[in-house]
Protein backbone atom coordinates (compact mmCIF):
# COMPACT_ATOMS: atom_id res chain seq x y z
CA UNK A 1 -27.70 26.75 4.54
CA UNK A 2 -24.48 28.85 3.84
CA UNK A 3 -22.09 25.60 3.72
CA UNK A 4 -21.46 22.07 4.44
CA UNK A 5 -21.40 22.22 8.01
CA UNK A 6 -24.09 24.04 9.64
CA UNK A 7 -22.03 24.59 13.06
CA UNK A 8 -18.22 24.19 14.03
CA UNK A 9 -20.08 21.29 16.20
CA UNK A 10 -21.26 19.89 13.42
CA UNK A 11 -17.83 19.89 11.76
CA UNK A 12 -15.96 18.56 14.76
CA UNK A 13 -18.51 15.59 15.14
CA UNK A 14 -17.82 15.19 11.22
CA UNK A 15 -13.77 15.13 11.94
CA UNK A 16 -14.14 12.63 14.96
CA UNK A 17 -16.63 10.60 13.20
CA UNK A 18 -13.95 10.39 10.23
CA UNK A 19 -11.09 9.55 12.43
CA UNK A 20 -12.96 6.62 14.00
CA UNK A 21 -13.69 5.74 10.81
CA UNK A 22 -9.92 5.07 10.49
CA UNK A 23 -8.96 3.71 13.50
CA UNK A 24 -10.80 0.40 12.71
CA UNK A 25 -9.96 -0.01 8.79
CA UNK A 26 -10.01 -2.76 7.17
CA UNK A 27 -8.35 -5.31 6.20
CA UNK A 28 -4.80 -4.10 6.99
CA UNK A 29 -5.54 -2.66 10.41
CA UNK A 30 -7.01 -6.13 11.49
CA UNK A 31 -3.51 -7.63 11.72
CA UNK A 32 -1.92 -4.39 12.96
CA UNK A 33 -1.33 -1.93 16.06
CA UNK A 34 -3.16 1.51 15.50
CA UNK A 35 -0.86 4.04 17.55
CA UNK A 36 -3.07 7.24 17.83
CA UNK A 37 -1.86 8.29 21.68
CA UNK A 38 1.98 8.41 20.69
CA UNK A 39 3.40 11.20 19.43
CA UNK A 40 6.77 9.92 19.39
CA UNK A 41 5.84 7.87 16.87
CA UNK A 42 5.45 10.68 14.23
CA UNK A 43 7.55 13.20 15.96
CA UNK A 44 10.50 11.60 18.44
CA UNK A 45 12.08 14.11 20.44
CA UNK A 46 15.33 11.90 20.63
CA UNK A 47 16.42 11.60 17.27
CA UNK A 48 16.42 8.56 15.23
CA UNK A 49 18.31 5.57 16.53
CA UNK A 50 18.32 3.18 13.85
CA UNK A 51 21.34 1.80 15.15
CA UNK A 52 19.46 0.38 18.58
CA UNK A 53 16.58 -0.41 16.33
CA UNK A 54 18.30 -2.87 14.45
CA UNK A 55 19.98 -4.59 17.57
CA UNK A 56 18.59 -7.57 19.45
CA UNK A 57 16.19 -6.92 22.40
CA UNK A 58 19.06 -7.43 24.81
CA UNK A 59 20.92 -4.97 23.39
CA UNK A 60 18.72 -2.38 22.94
CA UNK A 61 18.39 -0.49 26.07
CA UNK A 62 22.22 -0.38 26.43
CA UNK A 63 22.14 1.52 22.79
CA UNK A 64 23.43 5.23 23.13
CA UNK A 65 22.65 6.63 19.76
CA UNK A 66 20.44 8.98 20.40
CA UNK A 67 20.85 12.43 18.96
CA UNK A 68 19.07 15.65 18.91
CA UNK A 69 20.37 16.32 15.07
CA UNK A 70 17.50 14.68 13.72
CA UNK A 71 14.36 14.96 15.89
CA UNK A 72 11.76 13.96 13.44
CA UNK A 73 10.24 11.43 11.93
CA UNK A 74 8.39 12.76 9.05
CA UNK A 75 5.36 11.56 7.79
CA UNK A 76 5.30 8.81 4.95
CA UNK A 77 1.74 9.27 3.07
CA UNK A 78 -0.97 11.80 3.14
CA UNK A 79 -4.23 10.29 1.97
CA UNK A 80 -6.47 12.83 0.72
CA UNK A 81 -10.30 12.69 -0.70
CA UNK A 82 -12.08 15.30 -2.52
CA UNK A 83 -15.68 16.10 -3.45
CA UNK A 84 -17.92 18.69 -5.53
CA UNK A 85 -21.21 19.07 -3.36
CA UNK A 86 -23.88 21.35 -5.16
CA UNK A 87 -26.52 23.80 -2.99
CA UNK A 88 -28.76 21.25 -4.53
CA UNK A 89 -27.57 18.67 -2.80
CA UNK A 90 -27.64 20.99 0.63
CA UNK A 91 -31.41 22.00 0.01
CA UNK A 92 -32.67 18.61 0.01
CA UNK A 93 -34.50 18.24 3.01
CA UNK A 94 -34.16 14.89 5.30
CA UNK A 95 -30.63 14.39 3.61
CA UNK A 96 -27.48 14.35 5.75
CA UNK A 97 -25.12 15.34 3.74
CA UNK A 98 -22.52 15.29 6.21
CA UNK A 99 -23.10 11.81 7.30
CA UNK A 100 -23.24 10.93 3.36
CA UNK A 101 -19.86 12.56 2.53
CA UNK A 102 -18.27 11.12 5.86
CA UNK A 103 -18.55 7.58 4.61
CA UNK A 104 -17.34 8.38 1.59
CA UNK A 105 -13.98 10.17 2.58
CA UNK A 106 -13.77 7.51 5.24
CA UNK A 107 -13.90 4.94 2.54
CA UNK A 108 -11.38 6.78 0.52
CA UNK A 109 -8.70 7.51 2.97
CA UNK A 110 -8.80 4.12 5.04
CA UNK A 111 -7.82 2.70 1.81
CA UNK A 112 -4.90 4.69 1.03
CA UNK A 113 -4.01 3.59 4.60
CA UNK A 114 -4.29 0.19 3.71
CA UNK A 115 -2.39 0.04 0.97
CA UNK A 116 0.35 2.47 2.37
CA UNK A 117 0.71 -0.81 5.35
CA UNK A 118 0.16 -3.53 3.48
CA UNK A 119 2.60 -2.28 0.63
CA UNK A 120 5.31 -1.19 3.60
CA UNK A 121 4.74 -4.38 5.34
CA UNK A 122 5.80 -6.64 2.35
CA UNK A 123 8.50 -4.52 1.36
CA UNK A 124 9.94 -4.47 5.31
CA UNK A 125 9.14 -7.94 5.68
CA UNK A 126 11.81 -9.60 7.01
CA UNK A 127 11.55 -12.88 5.09
CA UNK A 128 10.73 -13.94 2.02
CA UNK A 129 9.27 -17.17 0.48
CA UNK A 130 9.81 -17.55 -2.98
CA UNK A 131 10.15 -20.71 -5.52
CA UNK A 132 13.78 -21.14 -4.26
CA UNK A 133 13.22 -21.16 -0.34
CA UNK A 134 10.31 -23.14 -1.08
CA UNK A 135 12.89 -25.57 -2.57
CA UNK A 136 15.01 -25.67 0.38
CA UNK A 137 17.69 -23.44 -1.38
CA UNK A 138 18.65 -19.54 -0.96
CA UNK A 139 16.10 -16.65 -2.18
CA UNK A 140 16.75 -15.65 -5.49
CA UNK A 141 13.30 -13.77 -6.13
CA UNK A 142 11.50 -16.28 -8.23
CA UNK A 143 7.60 -16.63 -7.33
CA UNK A 144 6.09 -19.49 -6.57
CA UNK A 145 3.72 -21.12 -9.27
CA UNK A 146 0.09 -21.80 -7.16
CA UNK A 147 -1.43 -24.81 -7.81
CA UNK A 148 -4.20 -26.83 -6.76
CA UNK A 149 -1.71 -29.34 -5.19
CA UNK A 150 0.58 -27.10 -3.31
CA UNK A 151 -0.99 -24.68 -0.93
CA UNK A 152 -0.16 -27.13 1.58
CA UNK A 153 3.61 -26.62 0.94
CA UNK A 154 3.51 -23.11 1.31
CA UNK A 155 1.56 -22.94 3.95
CA UNK A 156 4.10 -25.25 6.08
CA UNK A 157 6.75 -23.20 4.70
CA UNK A 158 5.11 -20.08 6.00
CA UNK A 159 4.71 -21.82 9.39
CA UNK A 160 8.40 -23.06 9.81
CA UNK A 161 9.59 -19.36 8.83
CA UNK A 162 7.20 -18.18 11.67
CA UNK A 163 7.91 -20.41 14.16
CA UNK A 164 11.88 -20.07 13.86
CA UNK A 165 11.30 -16.18 14.14
CA UNK A 166 9.20 -16.83 17.65
CA UNK A 167 5.63 -15.32 15.83
CA UNK A 168 3.47 -17.47 17.38
CA UNK A 169 2.01 -15.51 20.95
CA UNK A 170 -1.21 -15.10 21.83
CA UNK A 171 -2.91 -14.71 18.50
CA UNK A 172 -2.38 -17.29 15.55
CA UNK A 173 -0.21 -15.54 13.17
CA UNK A 174 -2.20 -14.38 10.05
CA UNK A 175 -1.71 -14.80 5.91
CA UNK A 176 -3.33 -12.18 3.61
CA UNK A 177 -3.99 -13.26 -0.32
CA UNK A 178 -6.19 -11.83 -2.98
CA UNK A 179 -9.44 -13.80 -3.96
CA UNK A 180 -7.30 -15.50 -7.22
CA UNK A 181 -4.28 -17.17 -4.96
CA UNK A 182 -7.50 -18.25 -2.24
CA UNK A 183 -9.27 -20.30 -5.30
CA UNK A 184 -5.92 -22.51 -5.03
CA UNK A 185 -6.20 -22.94 -1.56
CA UNK A 186 -9.87 -23.70 -1.79
CA UNK A 187 -9.71 -26.32 -4.80
CA UNK A 188 -6.95 -27.76 -2.95
CA UNK A 189 -8.84 -28.00 0.49
CA UNK A 190 -11.62 -29.57 -1.43
CA UNK A 191 -9.67 -32.57 -2.57
CA UNK A 192 -7.10 -33.10 0.61
CA UNK A 193 -9.53 -35.78 2.14
CA UNK A 194 -12.49 -36.15 4.08
CA UNK A 195 -12.10 -33.99 7.04
CA UNK A 196 -10.44 -31.12 5.06
CA UNK A 197 -12.78 -31.16 2.40
CA UNK A 198 -15.48 -31.46 4.94
CA UNK A 199 -14.75 -28.95 6.47
CA UNK A 200 -14.32 -26.64 3.24
CA UNK A 201 -17.72 -28.06 1.81
CA UNK A 202 -19.88 -27.63 4.88
CA UNK A 203 -18.47 -24.50 6.47
CA UNK A 204 -16.23 -23.17 3.94
CA UNK A 205 -12.33 -22.92 4.96
CA UNK A 206 -12.43 -18.88 4.03
CA UNK A 207 -15.69 -18.02 5.94
CA UNK A 208 -14.93 -14.37 5.97
CA UNK A 209 -17.90 -11.85 7.37
CA UNK A 210 -18.15 -9.38 4.60
CA UNK A 211 -15.11 -10.52 3.00
CA UNK A 212 -12.76 -9.02 5.06
CA UNK A 213 -13.00 -9.42 8.85
CA UNK A 214 -11.62 -12.81 10.13
CA UNK A 215 -13.94 -15.14 12.08
CA UNK A 216 -11.98 -16.86 14.93
CA UNK A 217 -12.39 -20.92 14.62
CA UNK A 218 -13.91 -20.48 11.15
CA UNK A 219 -11.18 -19.56 8.96
CA UNK A 220 -8.22 -21.08 9.25
CA UNK A 221 -5.56 -23.27 7.33
CA UNK A 222 -2.57 -24.91 8.37
CA UNK A 223 -2.38 -23.25 11.52
CA UNK A 224 -2.76 -19.60 10.04
CA UNK A 225 -5.78 -17.21 10.36
CA UNK A 226 -6.62 -16.18 6.49
CA UNK A 227 -7.55 -12.80 5.17
CA UNK A 228 -8.75 -12.61 1.53
CA UNK A 229 -8.77 -9.56 -0.11
CA UNK A 230 -8.05 -7.70 -3.27
CA UNK A 231 -6.22 -4.94 -1.53
CA UNK A 232 -2.52 -6.88 -2.20
CA UNK A 233 0.12 -5.52 -3.87
CA UNK A 234 1.01 -6.80 -7.53
CA UNK A 235 4.87 -5.89 -8.63
CA UNK A 236 7.15 -6.60 -11.52
CA UNK A 237 11.24 -5.64 -11.22
CA UNK A 238 12.83 -3.86 -14.31
CA UNK A 239 16.55 -4.87 -14.75
CA UNK A 240 18.36 -2.25 -16.75
CA UNK A 241 21.77 -2.75 -18.68
CA UNK A 242 22.35 0.86 -19.34
CA UNK A 243 20.46 4.22 -19.53
CA UNK A 244 17.52 3.67 -21.61
CA UNK A 245 17.96 5.33 -25.51
CA UNK A 246 15.92 8.48 -25.94
CA UNK A 247 11.57 7.75 -27.11
CA UNK A 248 12.08 4.70 -25.30
CA UNK A 249 8.91 4.11 -23.36
CA UNK A 250 7.71 2.07 -19.83
CA UNK A 251 3.99 0.83 -20.71
CA UNK A 252 2.43 0.82 -17.33
CA UNK A 253 -1.02 -0.88 -17.58
CA UNK A 254 -3.03 -1.13 -14.60
CA UNK A 255 -6.80 -3.25 -14.81
CA UNK A 256 -7.76 -1.58 -18.23
CA UNK A 257 -5.78 1.97 -18.47
CA UNK A 258 -2.50 2.20 -19.98
CA UNK A 259 -0.04 5.54 -18.81
CA UNK A 260 3.21 5.50 -21.56
CA UNK A 261 6.58 7.00 -19.77
CA UNK A 262 8.89 8.25 -22.13
CA UNK A 263 12.56 8.73 -21.83
CA UNK A 264 13.94 12.21 -22.95
CA UNK A 265 17.12 13.62 -22.63
CA UNK A 266 15.23 17.28 -21.79
CA UNK A 267 12.04 16.03 -20.36
CA UNK A 268 9.78 18.48 -22.11
CA UNK A 269 5.95 16.59 -22.13
CA UNK A 270 3.59 15.00 -19.62
CA UNK A 271 5.04 11.77 -18.97
CA UNK A 272 8.78 12.09 -20.04
CA UNK A 273 11.53 10.99 -17.48
CA UNK A 274 15.38 12.12 -17.43
CA UNK A 275 17.74 9.77 -19.82
CA UNK A 276 20.76 10.57 -17.23
CA UNK A 277 24.20 9.68 -17.92
CA UNK A 278 23.51 5.82 -16.55
CA UNK A 279 21.45 3.01 -15.65
CA UNK A 280 21.25 4.46 -11.90
CA UNK A 281 20.31 7.92 -13.07
CA UNK A 282 17.69 6.70 -15.57
CA UNK A 283 16.21 4.51 -12.57
CA UNK A 284 15.77 7.82 -10.43
CA UNK A 285 14.49 9.84 -12.85
CA UNK A 286 11.69 7.05 -13.77
CA UNK A 287 10.71 6.19 -9.86
CA UNK A 288 10.82 10.12 -9.62
CA UNK A 289 8.11 10.28 -12.03
CA UNK A 290 6.20 7.12 -10.85
CA UNK A 291 5.52 8.93 -7.59
CA UNK A 292 5.53 11.91 -9.16
CA UNK A 293 8.65 12.33 -5.44
CA UNK A 294 8.55 16.64 -5.88
CA UNK A 295 5.01 17.24 -6.01
CA UNK A 296 4.72 18.87 -9.40
CA UNK A 297 1.69 19.82 -10.92
CA UNK A 298 0.56 18.24 -13.47
CA UNK A 299 2.20 18.47 -17.20
CA UNK A 300 4.90 20.81 -15.67
CA UNK A 301 8.71 20.37 -15.36
CA UNK A 302 9.88 19.42 -12.11
CA UNK A 303 12.42 21.65 -10.09
CA UNK A 304 15.04 19.31 -10.68
CA UNK A 305 14.27 18.82 -13.91
CA UNK A 306 14.05 14.88 -13.85
CA UNK A 307 10.88 14.41 -15.01
CA UNK A 308 7.71 16.33 -16.63
CA UNK A 309 4.61 15.43 -14.75
CA UNK A 310 2.09 13.28 -15.97
CA UNK A 311 -1.19 15.22 -17.36
CA UNK A 312 -4.05 15.13 -14.49
CA UNK A 313 -5.94 12.11 -15.46
CA UNK A 314 -2.81 9.99 -16.19
CA UNK A 315 -2.15 10.70 -12.12
CA UNK A 316 -5.51 9.90 -11.47
CA UNK A 317 -4.91 6.65 -13.15
CA UNK A 318 -1.65 6.40 -11.28
CA UNK A 319 -3.71 7.38 -7.81
CA UNK A 320 -6.64 5.24 -8.39
CA UNK A 321 -4.68 1.92 -8.42
CA UNK A 322 -1.94 2.99 -6.07
CA UNK A 323 0.79 2.95 -8.35
CA UNK A 324 4.27 2.85 -6.90
CA UNK A 325 7.82 2.23 -8.05
CA UNK A 326 11.30 2.02 -5.86
CA UNK A 327 14.98 1.75 -6.90
CA UNK A 328 16.02 -1.42 -5.85
CA UNK A 329 19.61 -1.05 -6.80
CA UNK A 330 21.70 0.52 -9.36
CA UNK A 331 20.57 -0.96 -12.13
CA UNK A 332 16.89 -2.44 -10.94
CA UNK A 333 13.52 -0.84 -10.05
CA UNK A 334 10.44 -1.96 -8.87
CA UNK A 335 6.81 -1.24 -9.91
CA UNK A 336 3.83 -2.13 -7.59
CA UNK A 337 -0.13 -0.89 -8.00
CA UNK A 338 -3.22 -2.35 -6.36
CA UNK A 339 -4.86 -3.85 -9.87
CA UNK A 340 -3.95 -6.44 -12.30
CA UNK A 341 -0.29 -4.56 -13.52
CA UNK A 342 1.26 -5.27 -16.98
CA UNK A 343 4.73 -3.31 -17.61
CA UNK A 344 6.40 -3.58 -20.99
CA UNK A 345 9.42 -1.54 -22.57
CA UNK A 346 10.43 -0.86 -25.92
CA UNK A 347 13.83 -0.41 -25.72
CA UNK A 348 16.43 -3.24 -25.58
CA UNK A 349 17.96 -1.92 -22.17
CA UNK A 350 15.65 -3.12 -20.14
CA UNK A 351 14.20 -6.83 -19.21
CA UNK A 352 11.04 -6.80 -17.32
CA UNK A 353 10.56 -9.49 -14.91
CA UNK A 354 7.61 -12.07 -14.17
CA UNK A 355 4.87 -10.07 -12.61
CA UNK A 356 4.34 -10.87 -9.03
CA UNK A 357 1.42 -11.11 -7.17
CA UNK A 358 2.11 -11.16 -3.08
CA UNK A 359 0.48 -12.91 -0.26
CA UNK A 360 2.04 -11.59 3.06
CA UNK A 361 1.82 -13.62 6.15
CA UNK A 362 3.39 -12.79 9.97
CA UNK A 363 2.30 -12.41 13.48
CA UNK A 364 -0.49 -10.11 14.85
CA UNK A 365 0.76 -6.58 15.60
CA UNK A 366 3.85 -6.42 13.93
CA UNK A 367 2.74 -3.63 11.81
CA UNK A 368 2.60 -0.41 13.70
CA UNK A 369 0.50 2.15 11.58
CA UNK A 370 0.59 5.64 12.92
CA UNK A 371 -2.33 7.41 12.94
CA UNK A 372 -2.14 10.87 14.65
CA UNK A 373 -4.89 11.71 17.09
CA UNK A 374 -5.13 15.24 15.57
CA UNK A 375 -3.78 14.47 12.04
CA UNK A 376 -7.29 14.96 10.53
CA UNK A 377 -7.87 18.41 8.34
CA UNK A 378 -10.87 19.37 6.63
CA UNK A 379 -11.71 22.05 4.25
CA UNK A 380 -14.21 23.47 2.41
CA UNK A 381 -14.10 26.02 -0.33
CA UNK A 382 -16.55 28.04 -2.97
CA UNK A 383 -16.58 25.68 -5.87
CA UNK A 384 -14.64 27.19 -8.40
CA UNK A 385 -16.15 27.58 -12.07
CA UNK A 386 -13.77 25.33 -14.12
CA UNK A 387 -14.17 22.59 -11.48
CA UNK A 388 -18.20 22.89 -11.41
CA UNK A 389 -18.73 24.45 -14.82
CA UNK A 390 -20.33 28.49 -15.33
CA UNK A 391 -23.23 28.73 -13.22
CA UNK A 392 -23.08 25.73 -10.92
CA UNK A 393 -22.49 26.82 -7.03
CA UNK A 394 -21.65 24.95 -4.46
CA UNK A 395 -18.68 23.92 -2.54
CA UNK A 396 -15.60 21.78 -2.77
CA UNK A 397 -14.74 19.38 0.35
CA UNK A 398 -11.22 18.34 1.24
CA UNK A 399 -10.34 15.70 3.86
CA UNK A 400 -6.36 14.72 4.46
CA UNK A 401 -4.96 12.67 6.70
CA UNK A 402 -1.78 12.26 7.87
CA UNK A 403 -0.64 8.52 8.69
CA UNK A 404 2.44 5.96 8.54
CA UNK A 405 3.37 2.35 8.56
CA UNK A 406 6.18 1.38 11.04
CA UNK A 407 8.08 -1.92 10.59
CA UNK A 408 10.35 -2.00 13.58
CA UNK A 409 13.48 -3.85 12.37
CA UNK A 410 12.86 -5.91 15.54
CA UNK A 411 9.53 -7.30 14.12
CA UNK A 412 10.70 -7.45 10.44
CA UNK A 413 11.53 -11.16 10.90
CA UNK A 414 7.99 -11.40 12.24
CA UNK A 415 6.52 -10.55 8.42
CA UNK A 416 7.00 -13.25 5.77
CA UNK A 417 6.50 -11.70 2.24
CA UNK A 418 5.36 -14.66 -0.68
CA UNK A 419 5.66 -13.72 -4.39
CA UNK A 420 3.72 -15.78 -6.06
CA UNK A 421 2.11 -15.94 -10.00
């Protein structure tokens, strides 16, 4: 056997099977519209009509903002997976290496697609239920402190917001939460009276097949379908009073791993970001470094000189936890991750806000996840000595899937982001 795929037919089966696995990715795709046929989600030949998308439904048909000036909507994210396959594996009789790698790559890719989709949905949600809104005031961004006594109040507020946005249609709206958050809902349910407690103790109010899939009728709390998943974003906001001083650091810990970013007027080492002349410029450089927005190779300077890319090992840590950043204003930025997140800063110009763990509630199919019908690409190449070591023979299999999460403006109101601590 000279390569991974014995024939082009076998490779085609692999490609189609992998894409099929992505079509029913869990858990985010359980609650989203998955678009695979309409190419206009990916390439809009009429141009982006932002004004029309931002108007009420009744006005949408009368909008005339289409133009040919910007005829493409770029794919926002590209999920990739790579695998080293040795000849000794290919030589084992009765072992279907292609099927094995399909399962492995499908898991890696659909996790990346879920993370991008839920992150986009949280950031694009039309409503935020925070501590201030829960108390009947204007939102100020303070996360809700979940306890065993307030899940009913939180759920009632979510339902109110969704009802006001006409989010109740053919299906009951959903709420996605982490196991830590679900603990408080379970404890509340078990002490909330005979009817609720009996249901929780006999059937478990959070009965979910496999931990991710909604079972209709078996899992509902306060009028919401409940999905419990580890794959929810954690976030923290950093507020800058000015540009940070040279040698000041932003330390990002995800899980058990720590990555240090260093402010430098002339970035020249892995993990350096440009000091800039203002807080806004410092933030832009730090965000560019965290996201590697210029696709710079490991431990090299970016084309604009804004940052010096992380080492390969540290970039792998960020990729594993899906660490991302975005500029919120000229003085604030947000860092998100899909593992336990702890951010600290060593200077005196930055205030690190409260670390939050999000819940997401909304109407089913308020989010569109666009997966191109033929968007999958698979390549194999001889295993380089640098990868496998001298005397090691085999192939490197790489798989790529373009994807996007589209939250149309008219549906954003049917999504509620709930920051919690």
